[in-house]
Amino acid sequence: YQSHRPDMNVPIEETLRALDDLVRAGKVRYIGSSTAPGWHVATSVMTSERLGIARIVSEQSPYNLLDRRIENELVPACQAHGVGVICWSPLAMGMLAGRYEQGRSDDTRAAVRGGIYAERVTDAGIRVGNAFAALAREHGLEPAQAAYAWVIAQPGITAAIIGPKTIAQVASALPAAQLALPAELLAGADELVTPGSVVASFFNSATWMRWKHV
């Protein structure tokens, strides 16, 4: 059971004790956090150890080639404390899958829902996403598969969350778990987006993150 987007006005101890109650009651086996900063994960683990209560085993964060900021502090913190990292939006709302190669579409989540979803789809993100899609095809790979595999291949990453709409998309995504990306493709991805940097912000739903359009 993962607590999403921490409220910094609520003491970590209070949240952890509530989650520990669920574990002790047998309603939850393991607990985790989502879209939290690295310091919050580390503090959470140390607080649980100090109090002798359930500790988080996972952190679910946005992560894709267009937003690599978790590489700076969150991933190292999770590695240091044995916390798994589960990534959401590995395709960057389709930008890394070549969804926007023909321009913006009216049937995307960004267009249909607007708001925070539309804010994530930037011109820079589309440009870099299309470049990544072309790079993947140069190596004989489907862009979506390559984007999933890229996330899984990064240090400290446990799994990537997929969001298929069709059975065909499920069948296309699953091979990425065993896909070893060529070194040339990995190097090309780093040239497109420098490790630890951001082209399109996927933390815009986190109130603790100061962000701006990029």
N, C-alpha and C. Protein backbone atom coordinates (compact mmCIF):
# COMPACT_ATOMS: atom_id res chain seq x y z
N TYR A 1 0.85 -1.17 0.00
CA TYR A 1 0.00 0.00 0.00
C TYR A 1 0.89 1.22 0.00
N GLN A 2 0.74 2.08 -1.02
CA GLN A 2 1.62 3.23 -1.17
C GLN A 2 0.90 4.53 -0.87
N SER A 3 1.50 5.36 -0.03
CA SER A 3 0.96 6.69 0.21
C SER A 3 1.48 7.61 -0.88
N HIS A 4 0.56 8.32 -1.53
CA HIS A 4 0.93 9.11 -2.69
C HIS A 4 1.10 10.59 -2.38
N ARG A 5 2.13 11.17 -2.95
CA ARG A 5 2.42 12.60 -2.88
C ARG A 5 2.34 13.12 -1.44
N PRO A 6 3.44 12.98 -0.71
CA PRO A 6 3.43 13.32 0.71
C PRO A 6 3.04 14.76 0.99
N ASP A 7 2.25 14.93 2.05
CA ASP A 7 1.89 16.25 2.55
C ASP A 7 2.94 16.64 3.57
N MET A 8 3.75 17.64 3.27
CA MET A 8 4.85 18.01 4.14
C MET A 8 4.38 18.65 5.44
N ASN A 9 3.08 18.94 5.55
CA ASN A 9 2.54 19.49 6.79
C ASN A 9 2.17 18.40 7.79
N VAL A 10 2.21 17.13 7.34
CA VAL A 10 1.88 16.00 8.21
C VAL A 10 3.19 15.33 8.63
N PRO A 11 3.43 15.17 9.92
CA PRO A 11 4.67 14.51 10.38
C PRO A 11 4.80 13.10 9.81
N ILE A 12 6.00 12.73 9.39
CA ILE A 12 6.22 11.40 8.85
C ILE A 12 5.84 10.32 9.85
N GLU A 13 6.12 10.57 11.12
CA GLU A 13 5.80 9.60 12.16
C GLU A 13 4.30 9.29 12.19
N GLU A 14 3.48 10.31 12.00
CA GLU A 14 2.03 10.12 12.02
C GLU A 14 1.58 9.23 10.86
N THR A 15 2.12 9.49 9.69
CA THR A 15 1.78 8.69 8.52
C THR A 15 2.23 7.24 8.69
N LEU A 16 3.46 7.07 9.16
CA LEU A 16 4.00 5.72 9.32
C LEU A 16 3.25 4.91 10.37
N ARG A 17 2.85 5.56 11.45
CA ARG A 17 2.10 4.83 12.48
C ARG A 17 0.75 4.36 11.94
N ALA A 18 0.12 5.18 11.11
CA ALA A 18 -1.16 4.79 10.51
C ALA A 18 -0.97 3.60 9.57
N LEU A 19 0.11 3.63 8.80
CA LEU A 19 0.40 2.52 7.89
C LEU A 19 0.79 1.27 8.66
N ASP A 20 1.52 1.45 9.73
CA ASP A 20 1.91 0.31 10.57
C ASP A 20 0.67 -0.35 11.18
N ASP A 21 -0.33 0.44 11.55
CA ASP A 21 -1.58 -0.11 12.07
C ASP A 21 -2.23 -1.05 11.04
N LEU A 22 -2.17 -0.65 9.76
CA LEU A 22 -2.75 -1.48 8.69
C LEU A 22 -1.99 -2.79 8.53
N VAL A 23 -0.67 -2.72 8.65
CA VAL A 23 0.15 -3.93 8.55
C VAL A 23 -0.15 -4.87 9.72
N ARG A 24 -0.17 -4.32 10.92
CA ARG A 24 -0.41 -5.14 12.11
C ARG A 24 -1.82 -5.75 12.11
N ALA A 25 -2.76 -5.05 11.45
CA ALA A 25 -4.13 -5.56 11.38
C ALA A 25 -4.28 -6.61 10.29
N GLY A 26 -3.23 -6.83 9.52
CA GLY A 26 -3.28 -7.83 8.46
C GLY A 26 -3.96 -7.35 7.20
N LYS A 27 -4.24 -6.07 7.11
CA LYS A 27 -4.91 -5.52 5.93
C LYS A 27 -3.92 -5.17 4.82
N VAL A 28 -2.67 -4.97 5.20
CA VAL A 28 -1.62 -4.60 4.25
C VAL A 28 -0.38 -5.43 4.57
N ARG A 29 0.29 -5.92 3.54
CA ARG A 29 1.53 -6.68 3.79
C ARG A 29 2.76 -5.79 3.80
N TYR A 30 2.84 -4.90 2.82
CA TYR A 30 3.99 -4.01 2.72
C TYR A 30 3.51 -2.59 2.41
N ILE A 31 4.34 -1.62 2.76
CA ILE A 31 3.99 -0.23 2.52
C ILE A 31 5.05 0.44 1.66
N GLY A 32 4.64 1.52 1.02
CA GLY A 32 5.56 2.27 0.19
C GLY A 32 5.11 3.71 0.09
N SER A 33 5.87 4.51 -0.64
CA SER A 33 5.53 5.90 -0.87
C SER A 33 5.51 6.15 -2.38
N SER A 34 5.04 7.32 -2.77
CA SER A 34 4.97 7.63 -4.20
C SER A 34 5.19 9.12 -4.42
N THR A 35 6.01 9.43 -5.42
CA THR A 35 6.31 10.80 -5.81
C THR A 35 6.82 11.60 -4.62
N ALA A 36 7.73 11.00 -3.90
CA ALA A 36 8.34 11.64 -2.73
C ALA A 36 9.79 12.04 -3.05
N PRO A 37 10.31 13.07 -2.36
CA PRO A 37 11.72 13.43 -2.56
C PRO A 37 12.65 12.45 -1.85
N GLY A 38 13.90 12.45 -2.24
CA GLY A 38 14.86 11.52 -1.68
C GLY A 38 15.01 11.65 -0.18
N TRP A 39 15.06 12.89 0.32
CA TRP A 39 15.25 13.09 1.76
C TRP A 39 14.06 12.53 2.54
N HIS A 40 12.88 12.59 1.94
CA HIS A 40 11.67 12.10 2.62
C HIS A 40 11.72 10.58 2.74
N VAL A 41 12.19 9.92 1.69
CA VAL A 41 12.33 8.46 1.73
C VAL A 41 13.33 8.06 2.81
N ALA A 42 14.48 8.72 2.84
CA ALA A 42 15.51 8.40 3.84
C ALA A 42 15.00 8.65 5.25
N THR A 43 14.32 9.77 5.46
CA THR A 43 13.79 10.09 6.78
C THR A 43 12.73 9.08 7.20
N SER A 44 11.92 8.67 6.25
CA SER A 44 10.88 7.69 6.53
C SER A 44 11.47 6.37 7.01
N VAL A 45 12.50 5.90 6.30
CA VAL A 45 13.14 4.63 6.68
C VAL A 45 13.75 4.74 8.07
N MET A 46 14.46 5.82 8.33
CA MET A 46 15.13 5.97 9.63
C MET A 46 14.12 6.13 10.76
N THR A 47 13.01 6.79 10.48
CA THR A 47 11.96 6.94 11.50
C THR A 47 11.35 5.59 11.85
N SER A 48 11.09 4.77 10.83
CA SER A 48 10.55 3.43 11.08
C SER A 48 11.50 2.59 11.90
N GLU A 49 12.78 2.66 11.58
CA GLU A 49 13.78 1.89 12.33
C GLU A 49 13.88 2.37 13.77
N ARG A 50 13.77 3.67 13.97
CA ARG A 50 13.85 4.23 15.32
C ARG A 50 12.65 3.81 16.18
N LEU A 51 11.48 3.74 15.55
CA LEU A 51 10.26 3.43 16.28
C LEU A 51 9.94 1.93 16.30
N GLY A 52 10.66 1.16 15.47
CA GLY A 52 10.39 -0.26 15.41
C GLY A 52 9.05 -0.60 14.76
N ILE A 53 8.68 0.18 13.76
CA ILE A 53 7.42 -0.06 13.06
C ILE A 53 7.69 -0.36 11.58
N ALA A 54 6.63 -0.68 10.85
CA ALA A 54 6.78 -1.04 9.43
C ALA A 54 7.48 0.07 8.66
N ARG A 55 8.36 -0.32 7.76
CA ARG A 55 9.09 0.65 6.95
C ARG A 55 8.72 0.47 5.48
N ILE A 56 8.90 1.53 4.73
CA ILE A 56 8.56 1.45 3.31
C ILE A 56 9.55 0.53 2.59
N VAL A 57 9.04 -0.19 1.60
CA VAL A 57 9.89 -1.07 0.80
C VAL A 57 9.96 -0.61 -0.65
N SER A 58 9.15 0.40 -1.00
CA SER A 58 9.14 0.86 -2.38
C SER A 58 8.82 2.35 -2.46
N GLU A 59 9.30 2.96 -3.52
CA GLU A 59 8.97 4.34 -3.87
C GLU A 59 8.56 4.35 -5.34
N GLN A 60 7.41 4.90 -5.58
CA GLN A 60 6.89 4.97 -6.96
C GLN A 60 7.02 6.41 -7.45
N SER A 61 7.89 6.61 -8.43
CA SER A 61 8.18 7.96 -8.91
C SER A 61 8.03 8.06 -10.42
N PRO A 62 7.78 9.28 -10.91
CA PRO A 62 7.80 9.47 -12.36
C PRO A 62 9.24 9.38 -12.84
N TYR A 63 9.44 8.64 -13.91
CA TYR A 63 10.80 8.52 -14.44
C TYR A 63 10.75 8.08 -15.89
N ASN A 64 11.42 8.82 -16.71
CA ASN A 64 11.58 8.50 -18.13
C ASN A 64 12.74 9.32 -18.65
N LEU A 65 13.06 9.14 -19.90
CA LEU A 65 14.22 9.84 -20.47
C LEU A 65 14.06 11.36 -20.42
N LEU A 66 12.82 11.84 -20.42
CA LEU A 66 12.59 13.28 -20.46
C LEU A 66 12.66 13.94 -19.09
N ASP A 67 12.51 13.15 -18.03
CA ASP A 67 12.63 13.68 -16.67
C ASP A 67 13.47 12.71 -15.84
N ARG A 68 14.76 13.00 -15.71
CA ARG A 68 15.73 12.11 -15.09
C ARG A 68 16.17 12.60 -13.71
N ARG A 69 15.41 13.48 -13.12
CA ARG A 69 15.85 14.12 -11.88
C ARG A 69 15.98 13.16 -10.69
N ILE A 70 15.25 12.04 -10.71
CA ILE A 70 15.37 11.13 -9.56
C ILE A 70 16.75 10.48 -9.49
N GLU A 71 17.50 10.56 -10.59
CA GLU A 71 18.85 9.99 -10.59
C GLU A 71 19.78 10.76 -9.63
N ASN A 72 19.45 12.01 -9.35
CA ASN A 72 20.34 12.86 -8.55
C ASN A 72 20.35 12.48 -7.07
N GLU A 73 19.17 12.31 -6.47
CA GLU A 73 19.11 12.06 -5.03
C GLU A 73 18.20 10.90 -4.66
N LEU A 74 17.05 10.80 -5.31
CA LEU A 74 16.08 9.77 -4.91
C LEU A 74 16.61 8.36 -5.11
N VAL A 75 17.11 8.07 -6.30
CA VAL A 75 17.61 6.72 -6.58
C VAL A 75 18.77 6.35 -5.65
N PRO A 76 19.78 7.22 -5.46
CA PRO A 76 20.84 6.88 -4.51
C PRO A 76 20.32 6.65 -3.09
N ALA A 77 19.32 7.44 -2.66
CA ALA A 77 18.76 7.26 -1.32
C ALA A 77 18.07 5.91 -1.21
N CYS A 78 17.33 5.53 -2.24
CA CYS A 78 16.64 4.25 -2.23
C CYS A 78 17.63 3.09 -2.26
N GLN A 79 18.68 3.23 -3.04
CA GLN A 79 19.71 2.19 -3.08
C GLN A 79 20.38 2.03 -1.72
N ALA A 80 20.65 3.15 -1.07
CA ALA A 80 21.33 3.10 0.23
C ALA A 80 20.48 2.43 1.30
N HIS A 81 19.15 2.55 1.18
CA HIS A 81 18.26 2.03 2.21
C HIS A 81 17.48 0.79 1.76
N GLY A 82 17.84 0.23 0.62
CA GLY A 82 17.19 -0.99 0.17
C GLY A 82 15.73 -0.81 -0.19
N VAL A 83 15.40 0.32 -0.77
CA VAL A 83 14.02 0.60 -1.19
C VAL A 83 13.91 0.44 -2.71
N GLY A 84 12.94 -0.33 -3.16
CA GLY A 84 12.74 -0.54 -4.59
C GLY A 84 12.16 0.71 -5.24
N VAL A 85 12.49 0.94 -6.49
CA VAL A 85 11.99 2.09 -7.23
C VAL A 85 11.11 1.60 -8.39
N ILE A 86 9.84 1.96 -8.32
CA ILE A 86 8.88 1.62 -9.37
C ILE A 86 8.55 2.90 -10.12
N CYS A 87 8.66 2.88 -11.43
CA CYS A 87 8.54 4.11 -12.21
C CYS A 87 7.21 4.21 -12.94
N TRP A 88 6.57 5.36 -12.80
CA TRP A 88 5.38 5.60 -13.60
C TRP A 88 5.68 6.58 -14.74
N SER A 89 4.87 6.46 -15.79
CA SER A 89 5.02 7.24 -17.03
C SER A 89 6.35 7.01 -17.73
N PRO A 90 6.76 5.76 -17.92
CA PRO A 90 8.03 5.49 -18.61
C PRO A 90 8.03 5.93 -20.07
N LEU A 91 6.84 6.08 -20.68
CA LEU A 91 6.76 6.53 -22.07
C LEU A 91 6.58 8.03 -22.18
N ALA A 92 6.58 8.71 -21.04
CA ALA A 92 6.41 10.17 -21.03
C ALA A 92 5.16 10.58 -21.79
N MET A 93 4.04 9.95 -21.42
CA MET A 93 2.75 10.23 -22.05
C MET A 93 2.79 10.08 -23.56
N GLY A 94 3.58 9.11 -24.01
CA GLY A 94 3.63 8.80 -25.44
C GLY A 94 4.66 9.57 -26.22
N MET A 95 5.29 10.56 -25.61
CA MET A 95 6.29 11.34 -26.35
C MET A 95 7.47 10.49 -26.77
N LEU A 96 7.86 9.51 -25.93
CA LEU A 96 8.99 8.65 -26.26
C LEU A 96 8.60 7.49 -27.17
N ALA A 97 7.29 7.30 -27.34
CA ALA A 97 6.81 6.23 -28.23
C ALA A 97 6.54 6.74 -29.64
N GLY A 98 6.86 8.01 -29.89
CA GLY A 98 6.63 8.58 -31.21
C GLY A 98 5.18 8.97 -31.45
N ARG A 99 4.42 9.13 -30.37
CA ARG A 99 2.99 9.45 -30.50
C ARG A 99 2.77 10.80 -31.15
N TYR A 100 3.74 11.68 -31.04
CA TYR A 100 3.54 13.05 -31.52
C TYR A 100 4.38 13.35 -32.77
N GLU A 101 4.77 12.31 -33.48
CA GLU A 101 5.60 12.53 -34.67
C GLU A 101 4.85 13.27 -35.77
N GLN A 102 3.52 13.15 -35.78
CA GLN A 102 2.72 13.85 -36.78
C GLN A 102 2.07 15.10 -36.18
N GLY A 103 2.62 15.57 -35.07
CA GLY A 103 2.05 16.74 -34.41
C GLY A 103 1.13 16.34 -33.27
N ARG A 104 0.55 17.32 -32.61
CA ARG A 104 -0.33 17.06 -31.49
C ARG A 104 -1.65 16.47 -31.96
N SER A 105 -2.20 15.58 -31.14
CA SER A 105 -3.43 14.88 -31.49
C SER A 105 -4.53 15.21 -30.49
N ASP A 106 -5.78 15.12 -30.95
CA ASP A 106 -6.92 15.43 -30.10
C ASP A 106 -7.34 14.26 -29.22
N ASP A 107 -6.76 13.06 -29.45
CA ASP A 107 -7.21 11.89 -28.69
C ASP A 107 -6.22 11.45 -27.61
N THR A 108 -5.22 12.28 -27.33
CA THR A 108 -4.26 11.95 -26.28
C THR A 108 -4.82 12.34 -24.91
N ARG A 109 -4.22 11.78 -23.86
CA ARG A 109 -4.65 12.12 -22.50
C ARG A 109 -4.44 13.61 -22.24
N ALA A 110 -3.34 14.15 -22.77
CA ALA A 110 -3.06 15.57 -22.57
C ALA A 110 -4.16 16.43 -23.16
N ALA A 111 -4.64 16.05 -24.36
CA ALA A 111 -5.68 16.83 -25.01
C ALA A 111 -7.05 16.62 -24.37
N VAL A 112 -7.33 15.38 -23.97
CA VAL A 112 -8.65 15.06 -23.41
C VAL A 112 -8.81 15.58 -21.99
N ARG A 113 -7.78 15.38 -21.15
CA ARG A 113 -7.88 15.76 -19.74
C ARG A 113 -7.35 17.16 -19.45
N GLY A 114 -6.38 17.62 -20.24
CA GLY A 114 -5.81 18.95 -20.00
C GLY A 114 -5.07 19.03 -18.68
N GLY A 115 -5.05 20.20 -18.07
CA GLY A 115 -4.46 20.38 -16.75
C GLY A 115 -3.02 19.91 -16.64
N ILE A 116 -2.74 19.15 -15.55
CA ILE A 116 -1.37 18.69 -15.31
C ILE A 116 -0.87 17.79 -16.42
N TYR A 117 -1.79 17.09 -17.09
CA TYR A 117 -1.38 16.19 -18.17
C TYR A 117 -0.89 16.99 -19.38
N ALA A 118 -1.61 18.03 -19.70
CA ALA A 118 -1.21 18.87 -20.83
C ALA A 118 0.09 19.60 -20.54
N GLU A 119 0.31 19.97 -19.27
CA GLU A 119 1.53 20.68 -18.91
C GLU A 119 2.77 19.83 -19.14
N ARG A 120 2.62 18.50 -19.04
CA ARG A 120 3.78 17.61 -19.20
C ARG A 120 4.23 17.48 -20.65
N VAL A 121 3.32 17.71 -21.57
CA VAL A 121 3.64 17.57 -22.99
C VAL A 121 4.11 18.92 -23.52
N THR A 122 5.42 19.07 -23.59
CA THR A 122 6.02 20.32 -24.02
C THR A 122 6.60 20.18 -25.43
N ASP A 123 6.84 21.31 -26.05
CA ASP A 123 7.44 21.28 -27.39
C ASP A 123 8.83 20.64 -27.33
N ALA A 124 9.59 20.97 -26.28
CA ALA A 124 10.92 20.38 -26.13
C ALA A 124 10.82 18.88 -25.91
N GLY A 125 9.83 18.46 -25.12
CA GLY A 125 9.63 17.03 -24.87
C GLY A 125 9.27 16.29 -26.14
N ILE A 126 8.41 16.87 -26.94
CA ILE A 126 8.02 16.24 -28.21
C ILE A 126 9.22 16.13 -29.14
N ARG A 127 10.01 17.19 -29.19
CA ARG A 127 11.18 17.18 -30.07
C ARG A 127 12.17 16.09 -29.66
N VAL A 128 12.47 16.01 -28.38
CA VAL A 128 13.41 15.00 -27.89
C VAL A 128 12.80 13.61 -27.99
N GLY A 129 11.51 13.50 -27.70
CA GLY A 129 10.84 12.21 -27.81
C GLY A 129 10.88 11.67 -29.23
N ASN A 130 10.66 12.52 -30.19
CA ASN A 130 10.72 12.09 -31.59
C ASN A 130 12.14 11.69 -31.99
N ALA A 131 13.12 12.39 -31.45
CA ALA A 131 14.51 12.03 -31.73
C ALA A 131 14.84 10.66 -31.13
N PHE A 132 14.32 10.38 -29.94
CA PHE A 132 14.54 9.07 -29.32
C PHE A 132 13.84 7.98 -30.13
N ALA A 133 12.63 8.25 -30.60
CA ALA A 133 11.90 7.27 -31.40
C ALA A 133 12.69 6.93 -32.67
N ALA A 134 13.27 7.95 -33.29
CA ALA A 134 14.07 7.72 -34.49
C ALA A 134 15.32 6.90 -34.16
N LEU A 135 15.93 7.21 -33.01
CA LEU A 135 17.13 6.48 -32.59
C LEU A 135 16.80 5.00 -32.35
N ALA A 136 15.66 4.74 -31.73
CA ALA A 136 15.25 3.36 -31.48
C ALA A 136 15.06 2.60 -32.79
N ARG A 137 14.41 3.22 -33.74
CA ARG A 137 14.17 2.56 -35.03
C ARG A 137 15.46 2.31 -35.79
N GLU A 138 16.44 3.19 -35.60
CA GLU A 138 17.74 2.98 -36.24
C GLU A 138 18.38 1.68 -35.76
N HIS A 139 18.04 1.26 -34.54
CA HIS A 139 18.57 0.02 -33.97
C HIS A 139 17.58 -1.13 -34.09
N GLY A 140 16.57 -0.95 -34.94
CA GLY A 140 15.61 -2.01 -35.19
C GLY A 140 14.63 -2.27 -34.07
N LEU A 141 14.37 -1.26 -33.23
CA LEU A 141 13.49 -1.43 -32.08
C LEU A 141 12.26 -0.54 -32.19
N GLU A 142 11.16 -1.01 -31.61
CA GLU A 142 9.98 -0.17 -31.48
C GLU A 142 10.25 0.88 -30.42
N PRO A 143 9.91 2.14 -30.66
CA PRO A 143 10.20 3.19 -29.69
C PRO A 143 9.67 2.91 -28.29
N ALA A 144 8.43 2.41 -28.18
CA ALA A 144 7.86 2.14 -26.86
C ALA A 144 8.65 1.06 -26.13
N GLN A 145 9.02 0.00 -26.83
CA GLN A 145 9.83 -1.06 -26.22
C GLN A 145 11.16 -0.50 -25.74
N ALA A 146 11.78 0.34 -26.56
CA ALA A 146 13.08 0.91 -26.21
C ALA A 146 12.95 1.82 -24.99
N ALA A 147 11.85 2.57 -24.91
CA ALA A 147 11.65 3.48 -23.77
C ALA A 147 11.46 2.70 -22.48
N TYR A 148 10.67 1.62 -22.53
CA TYR A 148 10.51 0.76 -21.35
C TYR A 148 11.85 0.14 -20.95
N ALA A 149 12.56 -0.39 -21.93
CA ALA A 149 13.82 -1.07 -21.66
C ALA A 149 14.86 -0.09 -21.11
N TRP A 150 14.81 1.15 -21.59
CA TRP A 150 15.76 2.16 -21.10
C TRP A 150 15.55 2.38 -19.60
N VAL A 151 14.30 2.51 -19.18
CA VAL A 151 14.01 2.73 -17.77
C VAL A 151 14.51 1.56 -16.93
N ILE A 152 14.17 0.34 -17.35
CA ILE A 152 14.54 -0.86 -16.60
C ILE A 152 16.06 -1.02 -16.50
N ALA A 153 16.76 -0.55 -17.52
CA ALA A 153 18.22 -0.71 -17.56
C ALA A 153 18.97 0.24 -16.64
N GLN A 154 18.30 1.26 -16.11
CA GLN A 154 18.98 2.26 -15.29
C GLN A 154 19.28 1.74 -13.89
N PRO A 155 20.39 2.12 -13.30
CA PRO A 155 20.77 1.65 -11.96
C PRO A 155 19.71 1.99 -10.91
N GLY A 156 19.40 1.02 -10.05
CA GLY A 156 18.48 1.26 -8.95
C GLY A 156 17.02 1.13 -9.27
N ILE A 157 16.68 0.87 -10.53
CA ILE A 157 15.28 0.79 -10.93
C ILE A 157 14.79 -0.66 -10.82
N THR A 158 13.67 -0.84 -10.13
CA THR A 158 13.11 -2.17 -9.92
C THR A 158 12.16 -2.57 -11.04
N ALA A 159 11.27 -1.66 -11.44
CA ALA A 159 10.27 -2.00 -12.45
C ALA A 159 9.69 -0.73 -13.05
N ALA A 160 9.08 -0.90 -14.22
CA ALA A 160 8.39 0.20 -14.89
C ALA A 160 6.91 -0.14 -14.98
N ILE A 161 6.07 0.83 -14.71
CA ILE A 161 4.63 0.63 -14.80
C ILE A 161 4.17 0.90 -16.22
N ILE A 162 3.46 -0.05 -16.80
CA ILE A 162 2.95 0.15 -18.15
C ILE A 162 1.47 0.49 -18.09
N GLY A 163 0.99 1.21 -19.09
CA GLY A 163 -0.42 1.60 -19.12
C GLY A 163 -1.05 1.32 -20.47
N PRO A 164 -1.08 0.06 -20.87
CA PRO A 164 -1.62 -0.28 -22.19
C PRO A 164 -3.13 -0.11 -22.28
N LYS A 165 -3.60 0.22 -23.47
CA LYS A 165 -5.03 0.33 -23.72
C LYS A 165 -5.57 -0.90 -24.45
N THR A 166 -4.68 -1.65 -25.09
CA THR A 166 -5.10 -2.80 -25.87
C THR A 166 -4.23 -4.01 -25.56
N ILE A 167 -4.73 -5.20 -25.93
CA ILE A 167 -3.96 -6.43 -25.77
C ILE A 167 -2.68 -6.36 -26.60
N ALA A 168 -2.78 -5.76 -27.77
CA ALA A 168 -1.61 -5.64 -28.64
C ALA A 168 -0.52 -4.81 -27.96
N GLN A 169 -0.90 -3.78 -27.24
CA GLN A 169 0.09 -2.96 -26.55
C GLN A 169 0.74 -3.72 -25.40
N VAL A 170 -0.04 -4.59 -24.74
CA VAL A 170 0.53 -5.44 -23.69
C VAL A 170 1.58 -6.37 -24.30
N ALA A 171 1.21 -7.03 -25.41
CA ALA A 171 2.11 -7.97 -26.07
C ALA A 171 3.38 -7.27 -26.54
N SER A 172 3.25 -6.01 -26.93
CA SER A 172 4.41 -5.27 -27.40
C SER A 172 5.31 -4.84 -26.26
N ALA A 173 4.71 -4.56 -25.09
CA ALA A 173 5.49 -4.05 -23.96
C ALA A 173 6.27 -5.13 -23.23
N LEU A 174 5.71 -6.31 -23.10
CA LEU A 174 6.31 -7.35 -22.27
C LEU A 174 7.75 -7.73 -22.67
N PRO A 175 8.09 -7.82 -23.95
CA PRO A 175 9.47 -8.19 -24.31
C PRO A 175 10.52 -7.22 -23.80
N ALA A 176 10.11 -6.01 -23.45
CA ALA A 176 11.07 -5.01 -23.00
C ALA A 176 11.77 -5.45 -21.72
N ALA A 177 11.13 -6.32 -20.94
CA ALA A 177 11.72 -6.76 -19.69
C ALA A 177 13.00 -7.56 -19.91
N GLN A 178 13.12 -8.21 -21.07
CA GLN A 178 14.32 -9.00 -21.37
C GLN A 178 15.16 -8.36 -22.46
N LEU A 179 14.86 -7.13 -22.81
CA LEU A 179 15.56 -6.48 -23.91
C LEU A 179 16.82 -5.77 -23.43
N ALA A 180 17.95 -6.15 -24.00
CA ALA A 180 19.23 -5.50 -23.68
C ALA A 180 19.51 -4.44 -24.75
N LEU A 181 19.50 -3.21 -24.36
CA LEU A 181 19.69 -2.14 -25.33
C LEU A 181 21.15 -2.01 -25.74
N PRO A 182 21.42 -1.73 -27.02
CA PRO A 182 22.80 -1.54 -27.48
C PRO A 182 23.46 -0.36 -26.77
N ALA A 183 24.74 -0.46 -26.55
CA ALA A 183 25.48 0.62 -25.88
C ALA A 183 25.36 1.92 -26.66
N GLU A 184 25.31 1.82 -27.99
CA GLU A 184 25.20 3.02 -28.82
C GLU A 184 23.88 3.74 -28.58
N LEU A 185 22.81 2.97 -28.37
CA LEU A 185 21.51 3.59 -28.11
C LEU A 185 21.50 4.27 -26.75
N LEU A 186 22.07 3.60 -25.75
CA LEU A 186 22.14 4.18 -24.41
C LEU A 186 22.95 5.48 -24.41
N ALA A 187 24.05 5.47 -25.14
CA ALA A 187 24.88 6.67 -25.24
C ALA A 187 24.14 7.78 -25.97
N GLY A 188 23.40 7.39 -27.00
CA GLY A 188 22.62 8.37 -27.75
C GLY A 188 21.53 9.00 -26.89
N ALA A 189 20.92 8.19 -26.02
CA ALA A 189 19.89 8.71 -25.11
C ALA A 189 20.50 9.73 -24.15
N ASP A 190 21.70 9.44 -23.65
CA ASP A 190 22.37 10.38 -22.74
C ASP A 190 22.72 11.68 -23.44
N GLU A 191 22.97 11.61 -24.72
CA GLU A 191 23.25 12.84 -25.47
C GLU A 191 21.99 13.67 -25.65
N LEU A 192 20.85 12.99 -25.78
CA LEU A 192 19.58 13.71 -25.93
C LEU A 192 19.18 14.40 -24.64
N VAL A 193 19.35 13.69 -23.53
CA VAL A 193 19.00 14.25 -22.21
C VAL A 193 20.11 13.88 -21.24
N THR A 194 20.82 14.85 -20.75
CA THR A 194 21.92 14.62 -19.83
C THR A 194 21.43 13.95 -18.55
N PRO A 195 22.14 12.94 -18.06
CA PRO A 195 21.73 12.28 -16.81
C PRO A 195 21.44 13.28 -15.70
N GLY A 196 20.32 13.05 -15.01
CA GLY A 196 19.94 13.91 -13.89
C GLY A 196 19.19 15.17 -14.27
N SER A 197 19.00 15.41 -15.58
CA SER A 197 18.36 16.65 -16.01
C SER A 197 16.91 16.41 -16.43
N VAL A 198 16.24 17.46 -16.89
CA VAL A 198 14.83 17.38 -17.24
C VAL A 198 14.54 18.18 -18.50
N VAL A 199 13.70 17.61 -19.35
CA VAL A 199 13.23 18.28 -20.56
C VAL A 199 11.73 18.58 -20.43
N ALA A 200 11.00 17.67 -19.82
CA ALA A 200 9.56 17.86 -19.58
C ALA A 200 9.26 17.39 -18.16
N SER A 201 8.68 18.26 -17.34
CA SER A 201 8.48 17.94 -15.93
C SER A 201 7.31 17.00 -15.70
N PHE A 202 7.57 15.89 -15.00
CA PHE A 202 6.53 14.95 -14.61
C PHE A 202 6.30 14.97 -13.09
N PHE A 203 6.89 15.95 -12.43
CA PHE A 203 6.67 16.15 -11.00
C PHE A 203 5.69 17.30 -10.75
N ASN A 204 4.95 17.70 -11.78
CA ASN A 204 4.08 18.85 -11.62
C ASN A 204 2.83 18.57 -10.80
N SER A 205 2.65 17.31 -10.35
CA SER A 205 1.54 17.01 -9.45
C SER A 205 2.02 16.94 -8.00
N ALA A 206 3.31 17.16 -7.78
CA ALA A 206 3.88 17.12 -6.43
C ALA A 206 3.98 18.54 -5.88
N THR A 207 3.24 18.81 -4.82
CA THR A 207 3.22 20.17 -4.28
C THR A 207 4.56 20.60 -3.71
N TRP A 208 5.41 19.64 -3.33
CA TRP A 208 6.69 19.98 -2.74
C TRP A 208 7.75 20.36 -3.78
N MET A 209 7.50 20.00 -5.05
CA MET A 209 8.48 20.25 -6.10
C MET A 209 8.28 21.63 -6.72
N ARG A 210 9.33 22.41 -6.71
CA ARG A 210 9.31 23.67 -7.44
C ARG A 210 9.68 23.37 -8.88
N TRP A 211 8.79 23.68 -9.78
CA TRP A 211 9.03 23.31 -11.18
C TRP A 211 8.54 24.43 -12.07
N LYS A 212 8.91 24.35 -13.31
CA LYS A 212 8.46 25.33 -14.31
C LYS A 212 8.41 24.64 -15.66
N HIS A 213 7.71 25.27 -16.59
CA HIS A 213 7.67 24.73 -17.94
C HIS A 213 9.09 24.75 -18.54
N VAL A 214 9.45 23.70 -19.24
CA VAL A 214 10.78 23.64 -19.84
C VAL A 214 10.65 23.34 -21.33
